[in-house]
All heavy atoms as atom14 arrays in JSON, in Angstrom:
{
  "sequence": "GAARHGSVRIATERALTWAGTCEPGNGLGIA",
  "atom14_mask": [
    [1, 1, 1, 1, 0, 0, 0, 0, 0, 0, 0, 0, 0, 0],
    [1, 1, 1, 1, 1, 0, 0, 0, 0, 0, 0, 0, 0, 0],
    [1, 1, 1, 1, 1, 0, 0, 0, 0, 0, 0, 0, 0, 0],
    [1, 1, 1, 1, 1, 1, 1, 1, 1, 1, 1, 0, 0, 0],
    [1, 1, 1, 1, 1, 1, 1, 1, 1, 1, 0, 0, 0, 0],
    [1, 1, 1, 1, 0, 0, 0, 0, 0, 0, 0, 0, 0, 0],
    [1, 1, 1, 1, 1, 1, 0, 0, 0, 0, 0, 0, 0, 0],
    [1, 1, 1, 1, 1, 1, 1, 0, 0, 0, 0, 0, 0, 0],
    [1, 1, 1, 1, 1, 1, 1, 1, 1, 1, 1, 0, 0, 0],
    [1, 1, 1, 1, 1, 1, 1, 1, 0, 0, 0, 0, 0, 0],
    [1, 1, 1, 1, 1, 0, 0, 0, 0, 0, 0, 0, 0, 0],
    [1, 1, 1, 1, 1, 1, 1, 0, 0, 0, 0, 0, 0, 0],
    [1, 1, 1, 1, 1, 1, 1, 1, 1, 0, 0, 0, 0, 0],
    [1, 1, 1, 1, 1, 1, 1, 1, 1, 1, 1, 0, 0, 0],
    [1, 1, 1, 1, 1, 0, 0, 0, 0, 0, 0, 0, 0, 0],
    [1, 1, 1, 1, 1, 1, 1, 1, 0, 0, 0, 0, 0, 0],
    [1, 1, 1, 1, 1, 1, 1, 0, 0, 0, 0, 0, 0, 0],
    [1, 1, 1, 1, 1, 1, 1, 1, 1, 1, 1, 1, 1, 1],
    [1, 1, 1, 1, 1, 0, 0, 0, 0, 0, 0, 0, 0, 0],
    [1, 1, 1, 1, 0, 0, 0, 0, 0, 0, 0, 0, 0, 0],
    [1, 1, 1, 1, 1, 1, 1, 0, 0, 0, 0, 0, 0, 0],
    [1, 1, 1, 1, 1, 1, 0, 0, 0, 0, 0, 0, 0, 0],
    [1, 1, 1, 1, 1, 1, 1, 1, 1, 0, 0, 0, 0, 0],
    [1, 1, 1, 1, 1, 1, 1, 0, 0, 0, 0, 0, 0, 0],
    [1, 1, 1, 1, 0, 0, 0, 0, 0, 0, 0, 0, 0, 0],
    [1, 1, 1, 1, 1, 1, 1, 1, 0, 0, 0, 0, 0, 0],
    [1, 1, 1, 1, 0, 0, 0, 0, 0, 0, 0, 0, 0, 0],
    [1, 1, 1, 1, 1, 1, 1, 1, 0, 0, 0, 0, 0, 0],
    [1, 1, 1, 1, 0, 0, 0, 0, 0, 0, 0, 0, 0, 0],
    [1, 1, 1, 1, 1, 1, 1, 1, 0, 0, 0, 0, 0, 0],
    [1, 1, 1, 1, 1, 0, 0, 0, 0, 0, 0, 0, 0, 0]
  ],
  "atom14_positions": [
    [[70.67, 79.73, 113.36], [70.13, 80.35, 114.55], [69.62, 79.34, 115.56], [69.6, 79.59, 116.76], [0.0, 0.0, 0.0], [0.0, 0.0, 0.0], [0.0, 0.0, 0.0], [0.0, 0.0, 0.0], [0.0, 0.0, 0.0], [0.0, 0.0, 0.0], [0.0, 0.0, 0.0], [0.0, 0.0, 0.0], [0.0, 0.0, 0.0], [0.0, 0.0, 0.0]],
    [[69.19, 78.17, 115.07], [68.66, 77.13, 115.96], [69.76, 76.34, 116.65], [69.48, 75.54, 117.58], [67.75, 76.19, 115.2], [0.0, 0.0, 0.0], [0.0, 0.0, 0.0], [0.0, 0.0, 0.0], [0.0, 0.0, 0.0], [0.0, 0.0, 0.0], [0.0, 0.0, 0.0], [0.0, 0.0, 0.0], [0.0, 0.0, 0.0], [0.0, 0.0, 0.0]],
    [[71.01, 76.47, 116.2], [72.14, 75.75, 116.8], [72.71, 76.54, 117.99], [73.39, 77.54, 117.8], [73.19, 75.51, 115.75], [0.0, 0.0, 0.0], [0.0, 0.0, 0.0], [0.0, 0.0, 0.0], [0.0, 0.0, 0.0], [0.0, 0.0, 0.0], [0.0, 0.0, 0.0], [0.0, 0.0, 0.0], [0.0, 0.0, 0.0], [0.0, 0.0, 0.0]],
    [[72.32, 76.12, 119.19], [72.9, 76.77, 120.38], [74.39, 76.42, 120.45], [74.75, 75.26, 120.22], [72.15, 76.3, 121.65], [70.68, 76.67, 121.6], [69.99, 76.3, 122.94], [70.02, 74.88, 123.23], [69.22, 73.98, 122.71], [68.34, 74.33, 121.78], [69.35, 72.7, 123.06], [0.0, 0.0, 0.0], [0.0, 0.0, 0.0], [0.0, 0.0, 0.0]],
    [[75.21, 77.38, 120.79], [76.64, 77.08, 120.74], [77.37, 77.75, 121.91], [76.93, 78.72, 122.51], [77.24, 77.53, 119.42], [77.24, 79.03, 119.21], [78.34, 79.81, 119.45], [76.25, 79.88, 118.82], [78.07, 81.07, 119.21], [76.82, 81.15, 118.82], [0.0, 0.0, 0.0], [0.0, 0.0, 0.0], [0.0, 0.0, 0.0], [0.0, 0.0, 0.0]],
    [[78.54, 77.21, 122.2], [79.43, 77.72, 123.21], [80.84, 77.27, 122.92], [81.12, 76.61, 121.91], [0.0, 0.0, 0.0], [0.0, 0.0, 0.0], [0.0, 0.0, 0.0], [0.0, 0.0, 0.0], [0.0, 0.0, 0.0], [0.0, 0.0, 0.0], [0.0, 0.0, 0.0], [0.0, 0.0, 0.0], [0.0, 0.0, 0.0], [0.0, 0.0, 0.0]],
    [[81.74, 77.6, 123.83], [83.13, 77.2, 123.65], [83.77, 76.94, 124.99], [83.28, 77.35, 126.06], [83.92, 78.31, 122.91], [83.93, 79.49, 123.68], [0.0, 0.0, 0.0], [0.0, 0.0, 0.0], [0.0, 0.0, 0.0], [0.0, 0.0, 0.0], [0.0, 0.0, 0.0], [0.0, 0.0, 0.0], [0.0, 0.0, 0.0], [0.0, 0.0, 0.0]],
    [[84.88, 76.24, 124.94], [85.69, 75.97, 126.13], [87.07, 76.54, 125.91], [87.69, 76.29, 124.88], [85.76, 74.46, 126.44], [86.69, 74.22, 127.65], [84.39, 73.89, 126.72], [0.0, 0.0, 0.0], [0.0, 0.0, 0.0], [0.0, 0.0, 0.0], [0.0, 0.0, 0.0], [0.0, 0.0, 0.0], [0.0, 0.0, 0.0], [0.0, 0.0, 0.0]],
    [[87.49, 77.29, 126.88], [88.77, 78.0, 126.78], [89.58, 77.7, 128.04], [89.01, 77.46, 129.11], [88.52, 79.49, 126.63], [89.7, 80.35, 126.22], [89.23, 81.77, 125.94], [88.21, 81.83, 124.9], [87.45, 82.86, 124.63], [87.58, 83.94, 125.33], [86.55, 82.8, 123.65], [0.0, 0.0, 0.0], [0.0, 0.0, 0.0], [0.0, 0.0, 0.0]],
    [[90.87, 77.78, 127.93], [91.76, 77.59, 129.06], [92.11, 78.94, 129.63], [92.59, 79.83, 128.94], [93.03, 76.83, 128.66], [92.66, 75.43, 128.12], [93.96, 76.67, 129.88], [93.85, 74.68, 127.55], [0.0, 0.0, 0.0], [0.0, 0.0, 0.0], [0.0, 0.0, 0.0], [0.0, 0.0, 0.0], [0.0, 0.0, 0.0], [0.0, 0.0, 0.0]],
    [[91.88, 79.14, 130.94], [92.18, 80.41, 131.59], [93.68, 80.64, 131.6], [94.46, 79.74, 131.85], [91.62, 80.41, 133.01], [0.0, 0.0, 0.0], [0.0, 0.0, 0.0], [0.0, 0.0, 0.0], [0.0, 0.0, 0.0], [0.0, 0.0, 0.0], [0.0, 0.0, 0.0], [0.0, 0.0, 0.0], [0.0, 0.0, 0.0], [0.0, 0.0, 0.0]],
    [[94.07, 81.89, 131.36], [95.5, 82.22, 131.35], [95.9, 83.04, 132.55], [97.1, 83.28, 132.8], [95.85, 83.01, 130.06], [95.05, 84.18, 130.01], [95.61, 82.14, 128.84], [0.0, 0.0, 0.0], [0.0, 0.0, 0.0], [0.0, 0.0, 0.0], [0.0, 0.0, 0.0], [0.0, 0.0, 0.0], [0.0, 0.0, 0.0], [0.0, 0.0, 0.0]],
    [[94.9, 83.54, 133.31], [95.21, 84.34, 134.49], [94.09, 84.23, 135.51], [92.98, 83.78, 135.16], [95.42, 85.81, 134.11], [94.23, 86.42, 133.43], [94.51, 87.86, 132.99], [95.7, 88.21, 132.81], [93.54, 88.58, 132.79], [0.0, 0.0, 0.0], [0.0, 0.0, 0.0], [0.0, 0.0, 0.0], [0.0, 0.0, 0.0], [0.0, 0.0, 0.0]],
    [[94.34, 84.64, 136.7], [93.32, 84.67, 137.76], [92.34, 85.81, 137.46], [92.74, 86.92, 137.18], [93.93, 84.86, 139.11], [93.01, 84.56, 140.29], [93.79, 84.6, 141.62], [93.01, 84.05, 142.7], [92.14, 84.75, 143.43], [91.99, 86.02, 143.2], [91.45, 84.16, 144.39], [0.0, 0.0, 0.0], [0.0, 0.0, 0.0], [0.0, 0.0, 0.0]],
    [[91.02, 85.48, 137.53], [90.03, 86.5, 137.22], [88.7, 86.13, 137.86], [88.47, 84.97, 138.21], [89.87, 86.6, 135.69], [0.0, 0.0, 0.0], [0.0, 0.0, 0.0], [0.0, 0.0, 0.0], [0.0, 0.0, 0.0], [0.0, 0.0, 0.0], [0.0, 0.0, 0.0], [0.0, 0.0, 0.0], [0.0, 0.0, 0.0], [0.0, 0.0, 0.0]],
    [[87.86, 87.14, 138.03], [86.55, 86.94, 138.57], [85.54, 86.84, 137.41], [85.47, 87.74, 136.56], [86.15, 88.11, 139.48], [84.76, 88.0, 140.14], [84.69, 86.79, 141.06], [84.46, 89.3, 140.92], [0.0, 0.0, 0.0], [0.0, 0.0, 0.0], [0.0, 0.0, 0.0], [0.0, 0.0, 0.0], [0.0, 0.0, 0.0], [0.0, 0.0, 0.0]],
    [[84.73, 85.74, 137.35], [83.79, 85.54, 136.31], [82.38, 85.39, 136.94], [82.24, 85.33, 138.13], [84.08, 84.27, 135.5], [83.72, 83.12, 136.28], [85.56, 84.18, 135.12], [0.0, 0.0, 0.0], [0.0, 0.0, 0.0], [0.0, 0.0, 0.0], [0.0, 0.0, 0.0], [0.0, 0.0, 0.0], [0.0, 0.0, 0.0], [0.0, 0.0, 0.0]],
    [[81.37, 85.31, 136.09], [80.02, 85.09, 136.56], [79.89, 83.73, 137.31], [79.0, 83.58, 138.16], [79.02, 85.11, 135.41], [78.73, 86.49, 134.9], [79.18, 87.04, 133.76], [77.94, 87.5, 135.52], [78.73, 88.33, 133.62], [77.95, 88.63, 134.69], [77.2, 87.52, 136.7], [77.25, 89.79, 135.02], [76.53, 88.68, 137.01], [76.55, 89.8, 136.2]],
    [[80.74, 82.81, 136.94], [80.68, 81.5, 137.57], [81.65, 81.35, 138.74], [81.85, 80.27, 139.27], [80.97, 80.42, 136.51], [0.0, 0.0, 0.0], [0.0, 0.0, 0.0], [0.0, 0.0, 0.0], [0.0, 0.0, 0.0], [0.0, 0.0, 0.0], [0.0, 0.0, 0.0], [0.0, 0.0, 0.0], [0.0, 0.0, 0.0], [0.0, 0.0, 0.0]],
    [[82.29, 82.44, 139.13], [83.24, 82.43, 140.24], [84.65, 82.77, 139.78], [84.88, 83.1, 138.62], [0.0, 0.0, 0.0], [0.0, 0.0, 0.0], [0.0, 0.0, 0.0], [0.0, 0.0, 0.0], [0.0, 0.0, 0.0], [0.0, 0.0, 0.0], [0.0, 0.0, 0.0], [0.0, 0.0, 0.0], [0.0, 0.0, 0.0], [0.0, 0.0, 0.0]],
    [[85.57, 82.63, 140.67], [86.99, 82.95, 140.38], [87.66, 81.8, 139.65], [87.5, 80.64, 140.02], [87.74, 83.25, 141.68], [87.1, 84.34, 142.35], [89.17, 83.64, 141.36], [0.0, 0.0, 0.0], [0.0, 0.0, 0.0], [0.0, 0.0, 0.0], [0.0, 0.0, 0.0], [0.0, 0.0, 0.0], [0.0, 0.0, 0.0], [0.0, 0.0, 0.0]],
    [[88.36, 82.15, 138.59], [89.15, 81.12, 137.87], [90.61, 81.35, 138.11], [91.08, 82.48, 138.44], [88.84, 81.2, 136.39], [89.47, 82.66, 135.52], [0.0, 0.0, 0.0], [0.0, 0.0, 0.0], [0.0, 0.0, 0.0], [0.0, 0.0, 0.0], [0.0, 0.0, 0.0], [0.0, 0.0, 0.0], [0.0, 0.0, 0.0], [0.0, 0.0, 0.0]],
    [[91.38, 80.24, 137.97], [92.84, 80.29, 138.11], [93.46, 79.86, 136.79], [92.83, 79.18, 135.97], [93.28, 79.31, 139.23], [92.69, 79.6, 140.6], [93.21, 80.9, 141.22], [94.24, 81.41, 140.76], [92.6, 81.37, 142.19], [0.0, 0.0, 0.0], [0.0, 0.0, 0.0], [0.0, 0.0, 0.0], [0.0, 0.0, 0.0], [0.0, 0.0, 0.0]],
    [[94.7, 80.24, 136.53], [95.39, 79.8, 135.32], [95.33, 78.29, 135.17], [95.56, 77.57, 136.13], [96.82, 80.32, 135.51], [96.71, 81.49, 136.42], [95.59, 81.12, 137.37], [0.0, 0.0, 0.0], [0.0, 0.0, 0.0], [0.0, 0.0, 0.0], [0.0, 0.0, 0.0], [0.0, 0.0, 0.0], [0.0, 0.0, 0.0], [0.0, 0.0, 0.0]],
    [[94.95, 77.83, 133.97], [94.86, 76.4, 133.69], [93.47, 75.87, 133.84], [93.19, 74.73, 133.4], [0.0, 0.0, 0.0], [0.0, 0.0, 0.0], [0.0, 0.0, 0.0], [0.0, 0.0, 0.0], [0.0, 0.0, 0.0], [0.0, 0.0, 0.0], [0.0, 0.0, 0.0], [0.0, 0.0, 0.0], [0.0, 0.0, 0.0], [0.0, 0.0, 0.0]],
    [[92.54, 76.61, 134.47], [91.17, 76.15, 134.59], [90.51, 76.08, 133.21], [90.87, 76.84, 132.28], [90.34, 77.09, 135.45], [90.57, 76.91, 136.94], [90.24, 77.77, 137.75], [91.16, 75.79, 137.35], [0.0, 0.0, 0.0], [0.0, 0.0, 0.0], [0.0, 0.0, 0.0], [0.0, 0.0, 0.0], [0.0, 0.0, 0.0], [0.0, 0.0, 0.0]],
    [[89.52, 75.18, 133.1], [88.69, 75.16, 131.89], [87.51, 76.07, 132.09], [86.84, 76.06, 133.14], [0.0, 0.0, 0.0], [0.0, 0.0, 0.0], [0.0, 0.0, 0.0], [0.0, 0.0, 0.0], [0.0, 0.0, 0.0], [0.0, 0.0, 0.0], [0.0, 0.0, 0.0], [0.0, 0.0, 0.0], [0.0, 0.0, 0.0], [0.0, 0.0, 0.0]],
    [[87.2, 76.88, 131.08], [86.1, 77.86, 131.17], [85.06, 77.51, 130.12], [85.35, 77.45, 128.93], [86.6, 79.29, 130.92], [87.76, 79.77, 131.79], [88.16, 81.2, 131.37], [87.43, 79.73, 133.26], [0.0, 0.0, 0.0], [0.0, 0.0, 0.0], [0.0, 0.0, 0.0], [0.0, 0.0, 0.0], [0.0, 0.0, 0.0], [0.0, 0.0, 0.0]],
    [[83.84, 77.25, 130.56], [82.74, 77.0, 129.64], [82.02, 78.33, 129.35], [81.51, 78.99, 130.25], [0.0, 0.0, 0.0], [0.0, 0.0, 0.0], [0.0, 0.0, 0.0], [0.0, 0.0, 0.0], [0.0, 0.0, 0.0], [0.0, 0.0, 0.0], [0.0, 0.0, 0.0], [0.0, 0.0, 0.0], [0.0, 0.0, 0.0], [0.0, 0.0, 0.0]],
    [[82.0, 78.72, 128.06], [81.48, 80.06, 127.69], [80.33, 79.9, 126.74], [80.33, 79.09, 125.79], [82.63, 80.86, 126.99], [83.82, 80.97, 127.94], [82.13, 82.23, 126.57], [85.05, 81.55, 127.25], [0.0, 0.0, 0.0], [0.0, 0.0, 0.0], [0.0, 0.0, 0.0], [0.0, 0.0, 0.0], [0.0, 0.0, 0.0], [0.0, 0.0, 0.0]],
    [[79.27, 80.68, 126.99], [78.13, 80.76, 126.08], [77.58, 82.17, 126.14], [77.5, 82.76, 127.24], [77.03, 79.75, 126.43], [0.0, 0.0, 0.0], [0.0, 0.0, 0.0], [0.0, 0.0, 0.0], [0.0, 0.0, 0.0], [0.0, 0.0, 0.0], [0.0, 0.0, 0.0], [0.0, 0.0, 0.0], [0.0, 0.0, 0.0], [0.0, 0.0, 0.0]]
  ]
}
């Protein structure tokens, strides 16, 4: 529980996220 964690994923399509619009190939930092 004390280990804060997240992941990085590669976007596969154009989409609107909380951090703005992503394009295919962008790196997405997720927590």
